[in-house]
Amino acid sequence: MENVVLIIHLLLALALIGVVLMQRSEGGGLGMGGGGGGAMTGRAAATALGKITWILAAAFICTSIALTIIAAKNSSSSSVFDRLGTEAPAEETTAPVVPSGDSLLPPSEGDNSPLVPRAD
């Protein structure tokens, strides 16, 4: 269901972009041209494109709300803040990192540490 609404939402967005670009702006823009004699006059075309724009915008808002409701239903019931009180998983212990310039010496006989860094 979510995919169907999402596809409709994307198609509405593309149609809305196209209709807005076809409208006549004050500077001419990508409008339908100013020539008369067609089936629709300039004023009638502007009115029709305006109505189509409003319809597409309303449908776009409706699909946005529908997608929000669907996403809210599919999300977990707990908040991220509810999970903040839980313990973090224990980290694994790793061997200490020795800088690349230092070399390690074997431990002396009385020393219990496995490796001793050389001091130069």
N, C-alpha and C. Protein backbone atom coordinates (compact mmCIF):
# COMPACT_ATOMS: atom_id res chain seq x y z
N MET A 1 0.83 -1.20 0.00
CA MET A 1 0.00 0.00 0.00
C MET A 1 0.87 1.25 0.00
N GLU A 2 1.93 1.20 0.82
CA GLU A 2 2.80 2.37 0.92
C GLU A 2 3.47 2.67 -0.42
N ASN A 3 3.86 1.61 -1.14
CA ASN A 3 4.51 1.82 -2.44
C ASN A 3 3.56 2.44 -3.46
N VAL A 4 2.30 2.05 -3.43
CA VAL A 4 1.31 2.60 -4.36
C VAL A 4 1.12 4.09 -4.09
N VAL A 5 0.98 4.45 -2.82
CA VAL A 5 0.79 5.86 -2.47
C VAL A 5 2.05 6.65 -2.82
N LEU A 6 3.21 6.04 -2.60
CA LEU A 6 4.46 6.73 -2.93
C LEU A 6 4.61 6.97 -4.42
N ILE A 7 4.23 6.02 -5.25
CA ILE A 7 4.29 6.20 -6.70
C ILE A 7 3.32 7.29 -7.15
N ILE A 8 2.11 7.27 -6.59
CA ILE A 8 1.13 8.33 -6.92
C ILE A 8 1.67 9.69 -6.49
N HIS A 9 2.31 9.73 -5.33
CA HIS A 9 2.89 10.97 -4.81
C HIS A 9 3.96 11.52 -5.76
N LEU A 10 4.82 10.64 -6.24
CA LEU A 10 5.88 11.06 -7.17
C LEU A 10 5.30 11.53 -8.51
N LEU A 11 4.28 10.83 -9.00
CA LEU A 11 3.65 11.25 -10.26
C LEU A 11 2.96 12.61 -10.10
N LEU A 12 2.33 12.82 -8.95
CA LEU A 12 1.71 14.12 -8.69
C LEU A 12 2.76 15.22 -8.63
N ALA A 13 3.90 14.93 -8.03
CA ALA A 13 4.97 15.93 -7.95
C ALA A 13 5.45 16.31 -9.34
N LEU A 14 5.66 15.31 -10.20
CA LEU A 14 6.11 15.60 -11.56
C LEU A 14 5.05 16.38 -12.35
N ALA A 15 3.78 15.99 -12.20
CA ALA A 15 2.71 16.70 -12.89
C ALA A 15 2.59 18.13 -12.38
N LEU A 16 2.75 18.32 -11.10
CA LEU A 16 2.68 19.67 -10.53
C LEU A 16 3.82 20.54 -11.05
N ILE A 17 5.00 19.97 -11.16
CA ILE A 17 6.13 20.72 -11.72
C ILE A 17 5.84 21.12 -13.17
N GLY A 18 5.33 20.17 -13.94
CA GLY A 18 5.01 20.46 -15.35
C GLY A 18 3.96 21.54 -15.51
N VAL A 19 2.90 21.47 -14.70
CA VAL A 19 1.82 22.45 -14.81
C VAL A 19 2.31 23.83 -14.40
N VAL A 20 3.11 23.90 -13.37
CA VAL A 20 3.62 25.20 -12.93
C VAL A 20 4.53 25.79 -14.00
N LEU A 21 5.34 24.98 -14.63
CA LEU A 21 6.23 25.50 -15.68
C LEU A 21 5.46 25.94 -16.93
N MET A 22 4.30 25.36 -17.18
CA MET A 22 3.52 25.75 -18.35
C MET A 22 2.77 27.06 -18.15
N GLN A 23 2.59 27.46 -16.90
CA GLN A 23 1.85 28.68 -16.65
C GLN A 23 2.62 29.90 -17.13
N ARG A 24 1.88 30.86 -17.54
CA ARG A 24 2.49 32.08 -18.06
C ARG A 24 2.93 32.95 -16.89
N SER A 25 4.19 33.29 -16.91
CA SER A 25 4.70 34.18 -15.87
C SER A 25 4.68 35.60 -16.41
N GLU A 26 5.04 36.53 -15.58
CA GLU A 26 5.04 37.92 -16.02
C GLU A 26 6.07 38.17 -17.10
N GLY A 27 7.15 37.38 -17.10
CA GLY A 27 8.19 37.55 -18.10
C GLY A 27 8.02 36.64 -19.30
N GLY A 28 6.96 35.90 -19.40
CA GLY A 28 6.76 35.01 -20.53
C GLY A 28 7.06 33.58 -20.15
N GLY A 29 8.24 33.32 -19.62
CA GLY A 29 8.63 32.00 -19.11
C GLY A 29 8.39 30.90 -20.12
N LEU A 30 7.97 29.76 -19.63
CA LEU A 30 7.66 28.62 -20.48
C LEU A 30 6.16 28.55 -20.74
N GLY A 31 5.50 29.67 -20.70
CA GLY A 31 4.04 29.72 -20.85
C GLY A 31 3.58 29.23 -22.21
N MET A 32 2.27 29.19 -22.39
CA MET A 32 1.69 28.64 -23.60
C MET A 32 1.72 29.62 -24.76
N GLY A 33 2.38 30.69 -24.62
CA GLY A 33 2.45 31.64 -25.73
C GLY A 33 1.29 32.61 -25.70
N GLY A 34 1.47 33.73 -26.31
CA GLY A 34 0.44 34.75 -26.24
C GLY A 34 -0.46 34.80 -27.44
N GLY A 35 -0.23 33.97 -28.43
CA GLY A 35 -1.02 34.04 -29.66
C GLY A 35 -2.48 33.68 -29.43
N GLY A 36 -3.36 34.41 -30.06
CA GLY A 36 -4.78 34.11 -29.93
C GLY A 36 -5.24 33.15 -31.03
N GLY A 37 -6.53 32.94 -31.12
CA GLY A 37 -7.08 32.14 -32.20
C GLY A 37 -7.13 30.65 -31.91
N GLY A 38 -6.64 30.22 -30.76
CA GLY A 38 -6.69 28.81 -30.43
C GLY A 38 -8.04 28.44 -29.84
N ALA A 39 -8.13 27.22 -29.38
CA ALA A 39 -9.37 26.76 -28.76
C ALA A 39 -9.61 27.48 -27.44
N MET A 40 -8.52 27.88 -26.78
CA MET A 40 -8.65 28.57 -25.50
C MET A 40 -7.93 29.90 -25.60
N THR A 41 -8.54 30.92 -25.06
CA THR A 41 -7.86 32.21 -25.04
C THR A 41 -6.81 32.19 -23.94
N GLY A 42 -6.00 33.22 -23.89
CA GLY A 42 -4.96 33.30 -22.87
C GLY A 42 -5.51 33.29 -21.46
N ARG A 43 -6.61 34.01 -21.25
CA ARG A 43 -7.21 34.08 -19.90
C ARG A 43 -7.83 32.74 -19.52
N ALA A 44 -8.48 32.06 -20.46
CA ALA A 44 -9.10 30.77 -20.17
C ALA A 44 -8.04 29.71 -19.88
N ALA A 45 -6.91 29.76 -20.59
CA ALA A 45 -5.84 28.80 -20.34
C ALA A 45 -5.23 29.03 -18.97
N ALA A 46 -5.07 30.30 -18.60
CA ALA A 46 -4.51 30.60 -17.30
C ALA A 46 -5.45 30.12 -16.19
N THR A 47 -6.75 30.31 -16.38
CA THR A 47 -7.73 29.86 -15.39
C THR A 47 -7.72 28.35 -15.28
N ALA A 48 -7.67 27.64 -16.41
CA ALA A 48 -7.66 26.17 -16.39
C ALA A 48 -6.39 25.65 -15.74
N LEU A 49 -5.24 26.23 -16.09
CA LEU A 49 -3.99 25.78 -15.48
C LEU A 49 -3.97 26.10 -13.98
N GLY A 50 -4.57 27.19 -13.60
CA GLY A 50 -4.65 27.53 -12.18
C GLY A 50 -5.47 26.51 -11.41
N LYS A 51 -6.60 26.10 -12.00
CA LYS A 51 -7.45 25.10 -11.35
C LYS A 51 -6.74 23.75 -11.26
N ILE A 52 -6.06 23.37 -12.35
CA ILE A 52 -5.32 22.11 -12.35
C ILE A 52 -4.22 22.16 -11.30
N THR A 53 -3.56 23.30 -11.17
CA THR A 53 -2.50 23.45 -10.17
C THR A 53 -3.06 23.26 -8.78
N TRP A 54 -4.20 23.87 -8.48
CA TRP A 54 -4.81 23.72 -7.16
C TRP A 54 -5.21 22.28 -6.88
N ILE A 55 -5.77 21.60 -7.88
CA ILE A 55 -6.18 20.20 -7.71
C ILE A 55 -4.98 19.31 -7.45
N LEU A 56 -3.92 19.50 -8.26
CA LEU A 56 -2.71 18.70 -8.08
C LEU A 56 -2.05 18.98 -6.73
N ALA A 57 -2.05 20.24 -6.31
CA ALA A 57 -1.47 20.60 -5.02
C ALA A 57 -2.24 19.97 -3.87
N ALA A 58 -3.56 19.98 -3.96
CA ALA A 58 -4.39 19.36 -2.92
C ALA A 58 -4.16 17.86 -2.87
N ALA A 59 -4.08 17.23 -4.03
CA ALA A 59 -3.82 15.78 -4.07
C ALA A 59 -2.42 15.47 -3.52
N PHE A 60 -1.45 16.32 -3.83
CA PHE A 60 -0.08 16.14 -3.32
C PHE A 60 -0.06 16.21 -1.80
N ILE A 61 -0.79 17.17 -1.23
CA ILE A 61 -0.84 17.30 0.23
C ILE A 61 -1.53 16.08 0.84
N CYS A 62 -2.58 15.60 0.20
CA CYS A 62 -3.29 14.42 0.72
C CYS A 62 -2.38 13.18 0.72
N THR A 63 -1.62 12.98 -0.36
CA THR A 63 -0.72 11.83 -0.39
C THR A 63 0.42 12.02 0.62
N SER A 64 0.84 13.25 0.86
CA SER A 64 1.87 13.49 1.88
C SER A 64 1.35 13.09 3.26
N ILE A 65 0.13 13.48 3.57
CA ILE A 65 -0.47 13.11 4.86
C ILE A 65 -0.66 11.61 4.96
N ALA A 66 -1.10 10.98 3.87
CA ALA A 66 -1.29 9.53 3.86
C ALA A 66 0.04 8.81 4.09
N LEU A 67 1.11 9.27 3.46
CA LEU A 67 2.42 8.65 3.66
C LEU A 67 2.90 8.83 5.10
N THR A 68 2.60 9.96 5.70
CA THR A 68 2.98 10.20 7.09
C THR A 68 2.23 9.26 8.03
N ILE A 69 0.95 9.06 7.77
CA ILE A 69 0.15 8.16 8.61
C ILE A 69 0.63 6.72 8.45
N ILE A 70 0.91 6.31 7.22
CA ILE A 70 1.40 4.95 6.99
C ILE A 70 2.75 4.73 7.68
N ALA A 71 3.63 5.71 7.58
CA ALA A 71 4.94 5.58 8.22
C ALA A 71 4.81 5.54 9.74
N ALA A 72 3.86 6.28 10.30
CA ALA A 72 3.66 6.28 11.75
C ALA A 72 3.14 4.93 12.22
N LYS A 73 2.29 4.30 11.44
CA LYS A 73 1.76 2.98 11.81
C LYS A 73 2.83 1.91 11.71
N ASN A 74 3.75 2.04 10.75
CA ASN A 74 4.79 1.04 10.56
C ASN A 74 5.96 1.19 11.51
N SER A 75 6.08 2.34 12.15
CA SER A 75 7.21 2.56 13.04
C SER A 75 6.98 1.84 14.36
N SER A 76 8.06 1.68 15.12
CA SER A 76 7.94 1.02 16.42
C SER A 76 7.16 1.91 17.37
N SER A 77 6.55 1.29 18.36
CA SER A 77 5.71 2.05 19.28
C SER A 77 6.51 2.80 20.32
N SER A 78 7.79 2.49 20.45
CA SER A 78 8.59 3.19 21.46
C SER A 78 9.38 4.32 20.82
N SER A 79 9.68 5.29 21.62
CA SER A 79 10.44 6.44 21.17
C SER A 79 11.93 6.16 21.33
N VAL A 80 12.74 6.92 20.63
CA VAL A 80 14.18 6.80 20.78
C VAL A 80 14.57 7.17 22.21
N PHE A 81 13.88 8.14 22.79
CA PHE A 81 14.18 8.56 24.15
C PHE A 81 13.86 7.46 25.16
N ASP A 82 12.90 6.60 24.85
CA ASP A 82 12.59 5.50 25.75
C ASP A 82 13.73 4.49 25.82
N ARG A 83 14.47 4.37 24.75
CA ARG A 83 15.56 3.39 24.69
C ARG A 83 16.88 3.95 25.22
N LEU A 84 16.94 5.20 25.62
CA LEU A 84 18.18 5.78 26.12
C LEU A 84 18.60 5.20 27.46
N GLY A 85 17.67 4.75 28.28
CA GLY A 85 17.99 4.22 29.59
C GLY A 85 18.59 2.83 29.56
N THR A 86 18.55 2.14 28.45
CA THR A 86 19.06 0.77 28.38
C THR A 86 20.57 0.76 28.36
N GLU A 87 21.13 -0.35 28.83
CA GLU A 87 22.58 -0.51 28.85
C GLU A 87 23.10 -0.69 27.44
N ALA A 88 24.25 -0.11 27.19
CA ALA A 88 24.90 -0.30 25.89
C ALA A 88 25.60 -1.66 25.91
N PRO A 89 25.71 -2.34 24.76
CA PRO A 89 26.40 -3.62 24.74
C PRO A 89 27.87 -3.44 25.12
N ALA A 90 28.41 -4.45 25.81
CA ALA A 90 29.81 -4.37 26.25
C ALA A 90 30.74 -4.39 25.05
N GLU A 91 31.77 -3.58 25.14
CA GLU A 91 32.74 -3.53 24.05
C GLU A 91 33.76 -4.64 24.22
N GLU A 92 34.23 -5.14 23.10
CA GLU A 92 35.25 -6.18 23.15
C GLU A 92 36.59 -5.54 23.51
N THR A 93 37.38 -6.28 24.27
CA THR A 93 38.71 -5.78 24.60
C THR A 93 39.67 -6.16 23.49
N THR A 94 40.52 -5.23 23.14
CA THR A 94 41.49 -5.48 22.08
C THR A 94 42.88 -5.21 22.62
N ALA A 95 43.86 -5.67 21.90
CA ALA A 95 45.24 -5.46 22.29
C ALA A 95 45.58 -3.98 22.18
N PRO A 96 46.46 -3.47 23.04
CA PRO A 96 46.82 -2.05 22.95
C PRO A 96 47.55 -1.75 21.65
N VAL A 97 47.29 -0.56 21.14
CA VAL A 97 47.93 -0.14 19.89
C VAL A 97 49.22 0.57 20.24
N VAL A 98 50.30 0.14 19.59
CA VAL A 98 51.62 0.72 19.83
C VAL A 98 51.94 1.63 18.67
N PRO A 99 52.41 2.86 18.91
CA PRO A 99 52.77 3.74 17.79
C PRO A 99 53.80 3.07 16.89
N SER A 100 53.77 3.42 15.61
CA SER A 100 54.61 2.73 14.62
C SER A 100 56.10 2.95 14.84
N GLY A 101 56.52 4.03 15.49
CA GLY A 101 57.94 4.29 15.69
C GLY A 101 58.54 3.47 16.82
N ASP A 102 57.73 2.95 17.72
CA ASP A 102 58.24 2.19 18.86
C ASP A 102 58.32 0.72 18.50
N SER A 103 59.35 0.08 19.01
CA SER A 103 59.45 -1.38 18.87
C SER A 103 59.29 -1.98 20.24
N LEU A 104 58.89 -3.23 20.29
CA LEU A 104 58.63 -3.87 21.56
C LEU A 104 59.77 -4.84 21.89
N LEU A 105 60.14 -4.87 23.16
CA LEU A 105 61.16 -5.79 23.65
C LEU A 105 60.48 -6.91 24.42
N PRO A 106 61.07 -8.07 24.44
CA PRO A 106 60.50 -9.14 25.27
C PRO A 106 60.62 -8.74 26.73
N PRO A 107 59.72 -9.22 27.59
CA PRO A 107 59.76 -8.83 29.00
C PRO A 107 61.00 -9.41 29.69
N SER A 108 61.43 -8.70 30.73
CA SER A 108 62.53 -9.23 31.53
C SER A 108 62.02 -10.37 32.39
N GLU A 109 62.93 -11.11 33.02
CA GLU A 109 62.53 -12.32 33.74
C GLU A 109 61.59 -12.04 34.91
N GLY A 110 61.78 -10.97 35.64
CA GLY A 110 60.95 -10.68 36.79
C GLY A 110 59.68 -9.92 36.44
N ASP A 111 59.51 -9.54 35.16
CA ASP A 111 58.36 -8.72 34.75
C ASP A 111 57.23 -9.63 34.29
N ASN A 112 56.01 -9.34 34.71
CA ASN A 112 54.85 -10.13 34.31
C ASN A 112 54.15 -9.59 33.07
N SER A 113 54.50 -8.40 32.62
CA SER A 113 53.84 -7.84 31.44
C SER A 113 54.34 -8.54 30.20
N PRO A 114 53.48 -8.77 29.20
CA PRO A 114 53.89 -9.54 28.02
C PRO A 114 54.88 -8.81 27.13
N LEU A 115 54.70 -7.52 26.90
CA LEU A 115 55.61 -6.76 26.03
C LEU A 115 55.90 -5.41 26.67
N VAL A 116 57.13 -4.97 26.53
CA VAL A 116 57.54 -3.70 27.13
C VAL A 116 57.97 -2.78 26.00
N PRO A 117 57.42 -1.55 25.91
CA PRO A 117 57.88 -0.64 24.85
C PRO A 117 59.31 -0.18 25.10
N ARG A 118 60.04 -0.06 24.03
CA ARG A 118 61.43 0.40 24.10
C ARG A 118 61.44 1.92 24.21
N ALA A 119 62.23 2.44 25.12
CA ALA A 119 62.36 3.88 25.28
C ALA A 119 63.67 4.30 24.60
N ASP A 120 63.58 5.12 23.59
CA ASP A 120 64.78 5.58 22.87
C ASP A 120 65.11 6.99 23.26
